[in-house]
Amino acid sequence: MTTINTDTFKEERWQSILAMLAEQGRIRVNHLAERLGVSEATVRRDLEAMQARGLLQRTHGGAMLPPPAAFEVSFDESQTRALAEKRAIGRRAAALVGDGDAIIIESGSTTLEFARSLGEVRRLTVLTNSLVIARELSTNEEIEVHILGGVLRRQSASLVGPWVSAILRDMRVDKAFVGVNGLSAGFGLSAPNPFTAESRRAMIASARQRIGLADHSKLGVESLYRVAPLTTLDVLVTDAGAAEEQ
């Protein structure tokens, strides 16, 4: 009797899947099934098991390599990633701000580019937990800047935690512009640590309109802590690199 080691076949499939992802960046289940000569159900089981080991990131209908956005990086490093996309997102988001608005700008490299695009707005009130954004806006006499107090998180140059929530509990602003570490249909908005998640949740709750700013690398990503369901956002501003299914 011949014994077939199905684990060996599985390892070969996994190697093939990783090779295709390394070449293409993302791939769909039906394409994988056709290339590997197995059922789509088998591919889905493989993808779930590979995601559990951190080898890839599941997306709707397929998979992608784990993007760096799933993990928190330093603010300086984040500023250099997808800079052209972040600047385009910032300019587009700035068009959503009207004269006399009161807005929240959360700390982040994409929201910093948004803040840099606000030069034409008049009589603007900005609440921010970002020391960098506060400094950036400090020279514009048309903008009144309020810094949300909290615990300094050096990784993101931001103030986070329960003090931010306590301040915002009795406030209502026109719009909140929040950053995104991860955004998926199933898990919603997510953050890499509980303090950022709590502060972002408070910002969303205090605004009449909630606007997320995220380049395409953040879409389909699920960070560790859930912030809010996807439906909490009224507007998402992203770039042309986002896939149609996303």
Protein backbone atom coordinates (compact mmCIF):
# COMPACT_ATOMS: atom_id res chain seq x y z
CA MET A 1 0.00 0.00 0.00
CA THR A 2 1.28 3.48 -0.91
CA THR A 3 0.92 6.23 1.68
CA ILE A 4 0.52 9.79 0.38
CA ASN A 5 1.76 12.53 2.69
CA THR A 6 -0.81 15.30 2.22
CA ASP A 7 1.26 17.65 4.41
CA THR A 8 4.00 17.55 1.77
CA PHE A 9 1.50 18.63 -0.87
CA LYS A 10 0.29 21.38 1.45
CA GLU A 11 3.82 22.69 1.97
CA GLU A 12 4.33 22.75 -1.80
CA ARG A 13 1.10 24.69 -2.23
CA TRP A 14 2.13 27.17 0.45
CA GLN A 15 5.50 27.71 -1.23
CA SER A 16 3.73 28.28 -4.56
CA ILE A 17 1.27 30.71 -2.98
CA LEU A 18 4.06 32.73 -1.36
CA ALA A 19 5.99 32.78 -4.64
CA MET A 20 2.95 34.13 -6.51
CA LEU A 21 2.32 36.73 -3.82
CA ALA A 22 5.95 37.84 -3.92
CA GLU A 23 5.59 38.34 -7.68
CA GLN A 24 2.12 39.91 -7.82
CA GLY A 25 1.53 41.40 -4.35
CA ARG A 26 -2.02 40.04 -4.13
CA ILE A 27 -3.94 37.19 -5.73
CA ARG A 28 -7.51 35.88 -5.87
CA VAL A 29 -8.77 32.50 -4.61
CA ASN A 30 -10.09 31.36 -8.00
CA HIS A 31 -6.77 32.16 -9.66
CA LEU A 32 -4.87 30.23 -6.99
CA ALA A 33 -7.20 27.24 -7.32
CA GLU A 34 -6.66 27.18 -11.08
CA ARG A 35 -2.88 27.52 -10.82
CA LEU A 36 -2.55 24.90 -8.07
CA GLY A 37 -5.09 22.43 -9.46
CA VAL A 38 -7.12 22.21 -6.24
CA SER A 39 -10.57 23.34 -5.12
CA GLU A 40 -11.31 26.87 -3.95
CA ALA A 41 -12.29 25.41 -0.56
CA THR A 42 -8.78 23.95 -0.22
CA VAL A 43 -7.23 27.29 -1.14
CA ARG A 44 -9.34 29.10 1.44
CA ARG A 45 -8.25 26.65 4.16
CA ASP A 46 -4.63 27.17 3.14
CA LEU A 47 -4.98 30.95 3.25
CA GLU A 48 -6.62 30.88 6.68
CA ALA A 49 -3.83 28.67 8.05
CA MET A 50 -1.14 30.83 6.47
CA GLN A 51 -2.68 33.99 7.88
CA ALA A 52 -2.70 32.42 11.36
CA ARG A 53 1.07 31.98 11.01
CA GLY A 54 1.55 35.56 9.82
CA LEU A 55 2.61 34.53 6.31
CA LEU A 56 -0.03 36.57 4.50
CA GLN A 57 -3.03 38.86 4.95
CA ARG A 58 -6.47 37.60 3.90
CA THR A 59 -8.58 39.92 1.77
CA HIS A 60 -12.08 39.61 0.41
CA GLY A 61 -11.76 36.97 -2.30
CA GLY A 62 -8.03 36.42 -1.99
CA ALA A 63 -4.85 37.32 -0.13
CA MET A 64 -1.96 39.78 -0.06
CA LEU A 65 1.45 39.93 1.56
CA PRO A 66 1.33 41.30 5.12
CA PRO A 67 1.71 45.07 4.62
CA PRO A 68 3.95 47.11 6.93
CA ALA A 69 0.85 49.09 7.97
CA ALA A 70 -0.28 46.16 10.10
CA PHE A 71 2.45 47.12 12.54
CA GLU A 72 3.25 50.43 14.15
CA VAL A 73 6.36 52.17 12.91
CA SER A 74 8.04 55.35 14.05
CA PHE A 75 6.54 58.64 12.94
CA ASP A 76 9.70 59.57 11.02
CA GLU A 77 9.63 56.28 9.12
CA SER A 78 5.91 56.57 8.42
CA GLN A 79 6.39 60.02 6.89
CA THR A 80 8.60 58.60 4.14
CA ARG A 81 6.18 55.87 3.05
CA ALA A 82 3.81 56.49 0.12
CA LEU A 83 4.52 60.21 0.43
CA ALA A 84 3.03 61.20 -2.94
CA GLU A 85 -0.19 59.33 -2.14
CA LYS A 86 -0.42 60.91 1.31
CA ARG A 87 0.01 64.38 -0.11
CA ALA A 88 -2.72 63.76 -2.71
CA ILE A 89 -5.04 62.42 0.01
CA GLY A 90 -4.30 65.47 2.15
CA ARG A 91 -5.14 67.89 -0.65
CA ARG A 92 -8.38 66.10 -1.46
CA ALA A 93 -9.44 65.94 2.19
CA ALA A 94 -8.71 69.66 2.64
CA ALA A 95 -11.44 70.39 0.08
CA LEU A 96 -13.94 68.99 2.59
CA VAL A 97 -13.17 71.74 5.13
CA GLY A 98 -15.17 74.98 5.07
CA ASP A 99 -14.46 78.41 6.50
CA GLY A 100 -15.43 78.61 10.16
CA ASP A 101 -15.36 74.84 10.73
CA ALA A 102 -14.29 73.25 13.99
CA ILE A 103 -12.41 70.04 13.26
CA ILE A 104 -10.35 67.32 14.88
CA ILE A 105 -7.11 66.20 13.23
CA GLU A 106 -5.70 63.00 14.64
CA SER A 107 -1.97 62.40 14.80
CA GLY A 108 -0.47 60.66 11.80
CA SER A 109 1.69 61.10 8.71
CA THR A 110 -1.29 61.27 6.32
CA THR A 111 -3.20 63.68 8.55
CA LEU A 112 -0.05 65.81 8.73
CA GLU A 113 -0.14 66.19 4.95
CA PHE A 114 -3.82 67.10 5.29
CA ALA A 115 -2.96 69.77 7.87
CA ARG A 116 -0.34 71.20 5.52
CA SER A 117 -3.07 71.65 2.87
CA LEU A 118 -5.31 73.90 4.99
CA GLY A 119 -3.69 77.20 4.07
CA GLU A 120 -6.72 78.55 2.19
CA VAL A 121 -9.29 77.94 4.95
CA ARG A 122 -10.33 80.88 7.13
CA ARG A 123 -11.44 81.08 10.77
CA LEU A 124 -10.68 77.42 11.40
CA THR A 125 -10.63 75.80 14.85
CA VAL A 126 -8.47 72.69 15.09
CA LEU A 127 -8.31 70.19 17.92
CA THR A 128 -5.39 67.81 17.63
CA ASN A 129 -3.48 65.30 19.72
CA SER A 130 -0.42 65.67 17.50
CA LEU A 131 2.51 67.80 18.62
CA VAL A 132 3.81 67.85 15.05
CA ILE A 133 0.51 69.02 13.56
CA ALA A 134 0.09 71.66 16.27
CA ARG A 135 3.53 73.02 15.44
CA GLU A 136 2.77 72.91 11.71
CA LEU A 137 -0.39 74.99 12.14
CA SER A 138 1.02 77.38 14.74
CA THR A 139 2.15 79.96 12.15
CA ASN A 140 -1.25 80.25 10.46
CA GLU A 141 -3.15 83.10 12.13
CA GLU A 142 -6.43 81.93 10.59
CA ILE A 143 -6.29 78.69 12.61
CA GLU A 144 -6.94 78.46 16.33
CA VAL A 145 -5.19 75.37 17.65
CA HIS A 146 -6.31 73.37 20.70
CA ILE A 147 -4.02 70.58 21.88
CA LEU A 148 -5.76 67.56 23.35
CA GLY A 149 -3.86 66.55 26.46
CA GLY A 150 -2.87 63.00 27.27
CA VAL A 151 0.07 60.66 27.70
CA LEU A 152 2.90 61.28 25.24
CA ARG A 153 3.38 58.38 22.84
CA ARG A 154 6.81 58.96 21.36
CA GLN A 155 6.32 56.36 18.63
CA SER A 156 3.69 58.56 16.96
CA ALA A 157 4.50 61.98 18.51
CA SER A 158 0.95 62.03 19.86
CA LEU A 159 -0.98 62.46 23.10
CA VAL A 160 -3.30 59.54 23.78
CA GLY A 161 -5.31 57.84 26.47
CA PRO A 162 -8.27 58.54 28.76
CA TRP A 163 -7.59 62.28 29.09
CA VAL A 164 -8.26 62.71 25.38
CA SER A 165 -11.56 60.90 25.80
CA ALA A 166 -12.48 62.97 28.86
CA ILE A 167 -11.84 66.26 27.05
CA LEU A 168 -13.83 65.26 23.97
CA ARG A 169 -16.77 63.87 25.92
CA ASP A 170 -18.25 67.37 26.33
CA MET A 171 -17.34 68.66 22.88
CA ARG A 172 -18.94 68.54 19.43
CA VAL A 173 -17.02 69.40 16.28
CA ASP A 174 -18.08 69.61 12.66
CA LYS A 175 -15.66 67.02 11.31
CA ALA A 176 -13.07 64.55 12.56
CA PHE A 177 -10.19 63.59 10.27
CA VAL A 178 -8.74 60.38 11.62
CA GLY A 179 -5.83 58.24 10.58
CA VAL A 180 -6.11 54.53 9.87
CA ASN A 181 -3.65 51.80 10.82
CA GLY A 182 -5.97 49.13 9.47
CA LEU A 183 -9.34 49.14 7.72
CA SER A 184 -11.31 46.07 6.69
CA ALA A 185 -14.93 45.25 5.96
CA GLY A 186 -15.08 42.60 8.66
CA PHE A 187 -13.09 44.18 11.51
CA GLY A 188 -13.64 47.86 10.69
CA LEU A 189 -11.15 50.50 11.82
CA SER A 190 -8.29 49.23 13.95
CA ALA A 191 -5.21 50.45 15.79
CA PRO A 192 -1.97 48.81 16.98
CA ASN A 193 -2.36 49.70 20.67
CA PRO A 194 -5.27 50.28 23.10
CA PHE A 195 -4.40 53.92 23.83
CA THR A 196 -4.55 54.99 20.19
CA ALA A 197 -7.75 52.97 19.76
CA GLU A 198 -9.41 54.70 22.72
CA SER A 199 -8.41 58.19 21.59
CA ARG A 200 -9.51 57.57 17.99
CA ARG A 201 -12.84 56.20 19.20
CA ALA A 202 -13.44 59.39 21.22
CA MET A 203 -12.62 61.60 18.24
CA ILE A 204 -15.09 59.74 16.06
CA ALA A 205 -17.81 59.97 18.70
CA SER A 206 -17.45 63.73 19.12
CA ALA A 207 -17.83 64.65 15.43
CA ARG A 208 -20.87 65.23 13.27
CA GLN A 209 -18.99 63.91 10.24
CA ARG A 210 -16.25 61.26 10.40
CA ILE A 211 -13.62 61.17 7.68
CA GLY A 212 -10.90 58.54 7.42
CA LEU A 213 -7.61 59.21 5.63
CA ALA A 214 -5.72 56.13 4.46
CA ASP A 215 -3.45 55.20 1.59
CA HIS A 216 -4.20 51.91 -0.15
CA SER A 217 -1.69 49.89 1.91
CA LYS A 218 -3.97 50.24 4.96
CA LEU A 219 -7.02 48.69 3.25
CA GLY A 220 -7.75 45.08 4.07
CA VAL A 221 -5.43 45.30 7.09
CA GLU A 222 -6.54 44.38 10.61
CA SER A 223 -4.46 45.78 13.46
CA LEU A 224 -4.73 44.37 16.96
CA TYR A 225 -7.39 46.63 18.54
CA ARG A 226 -10.75 47.38 17.00
CA VAL A 227 -11.75 51.06 17.01
CA ALA A 228 -15.18 51.09 15.36
CA PRO A 229 -17.19 49.39 12.60
CA LEU A 230 -16.49 50.43 9.03
CA THR A 231 -19.96 52.02 8.82
CA THR A 232 -18.89 54.57 11.43
CA LEU A 233 -17.01 56.49 8.73
CA ASP A 234 -19.00 58.87 6.55
CA VAL A 235 -16.16 59.41 4.08
CA LEU A 236 -12.95 57.54 3.25
CA VAL A 237 -10.27 59.40 1.30
CA THR A 238 -7.73 57.04 -0.27
CA ASP A 239 -5.60 56.83 -3.41
CA ALA A 240 -5.82 55.21 -6.83
CA GLY A 241 -3.77 52.24 -5.65
CA ALA A 242 -6.82 50.81 -3.87
CA ALA A 243 -8.16 47.70 -5.60
CA GLU A 244 -11.69 47.79 -6.96
CA GLU A 245 -12.87 45.10 -4.53
CA GLN A 246 -11.53 47.11 -1.61
